[in-house]
């Protein structure tokens, strides 16, 4: 694997660092949904019984 082209936060200019740091102040819930599992049998049963 080549990580030579990887850009880290320290490699950004001031505007880029300010843009990245603005994401840290936002409290968003992570999207943990996996494609295809929202319509699975287990997901449907949980919705049926109002557990999810």
Protein backbone atom coordinates (compact mmCIF):
# COMPACT_ATOMS: atom_id res chain seq x y z
CA UNK A 1 0.00 0.00 0.00
CA UNK A 2 1.22 3.41 -0.87
CA UNK A 3 0.51 6.11 1.66
CA UNK A 4 2.87 8.61 0.05
CA UNK A 5 -0.04 10.63 -1.37
CA UNK A 6 -1.94 10.79 1.92
CA UNK A 7 -2.82 14.30 3.09
CA UNK A 8 -3.03 14.88 6.81
CA UNK A 9 -4.62 17.77 8.65
CA UNK A 10 -1.18 19.27 9.28
CA UNK A 11 -0.55 19.44 5.51
CA UNK A 12 -3.50 21.77 4.90
CA UNK A 13 -3.34 25.53 4.65
CA UNK A 14 -5.10 27.76 7.19
CA UNK A 15 -8.41 27.76 5.30
CA UNK A 16 -8.38 23.98 5.02
CA UNK A 17 -7.58 23.56 8.71
CA UNK A 18 -10.43 25.93 9.63
CA UNK A 19 -12.79 23.94 7.42
CA UNK A 20 -11.79 20.64 9.02
CA UNK A 21 -11.98 22.04 12.54
CA UNK A 22 -15.55 23.24 11.88
CA UNK A 23 -16.61 19.58 11.66
CA UNK A 24 -15.38 18.91 15.18
CA UNK A 25 -17.90 21.30 16.71
CA UNK A 26 -20.92 19.61 15.11
CA UNK A 27 -22.67 16.91 17.14
CA UNK A 28 -24.01 14.59 14.49
CA UNK A 29 -25.08 11.04 15.14
CA UNK A 30 -23.09 8.65 12.98
CA UNK A 31 -25.00 6.87 10.24
CA UNK A 32 -24.60 3.23 11.20
CA UNK A 33 -27.03 1.88 8.62
CA UNK A 34 -25.63 -0.77 6.34
CA UNK A 35 -26.96 -0.88 2.79
CA UNK A 36 -29.49 -3.66 2.40
CA UNK A 37 -29.92 -4.41 6.10
CA UNK A 38 -32.65 -1.84 6.65
CA UNK A 39 -35.03 -4.14 4.76
CA UNK A 40 -33.82 -7.38 6.33
CA UNK A 41 -36.15 -9.75 8.15
CA UNK A 42 -34.71 -8.81 11.55
CA UNK A 43 -35.12 -5.08 10.86
CA UNK A 44 -38.73 -5.62 9.81
CA UNK A 45 -39.46 -7.62 12.95
CA UNK A 46 -37.91 -4.94 15.16
CA UNK A 47 -40.01 -2.27 13.44
CA UNK A 48 -43.10 -4.46 13.86
CA UNK A 49 -42.58 -4.61 17.60
CA UNK A 50 -41.44 -0.95 17.78
CA UNK A 51 -37.99 -1.90 19.10
CA UNK A 52 -36.06 0.06 16.51
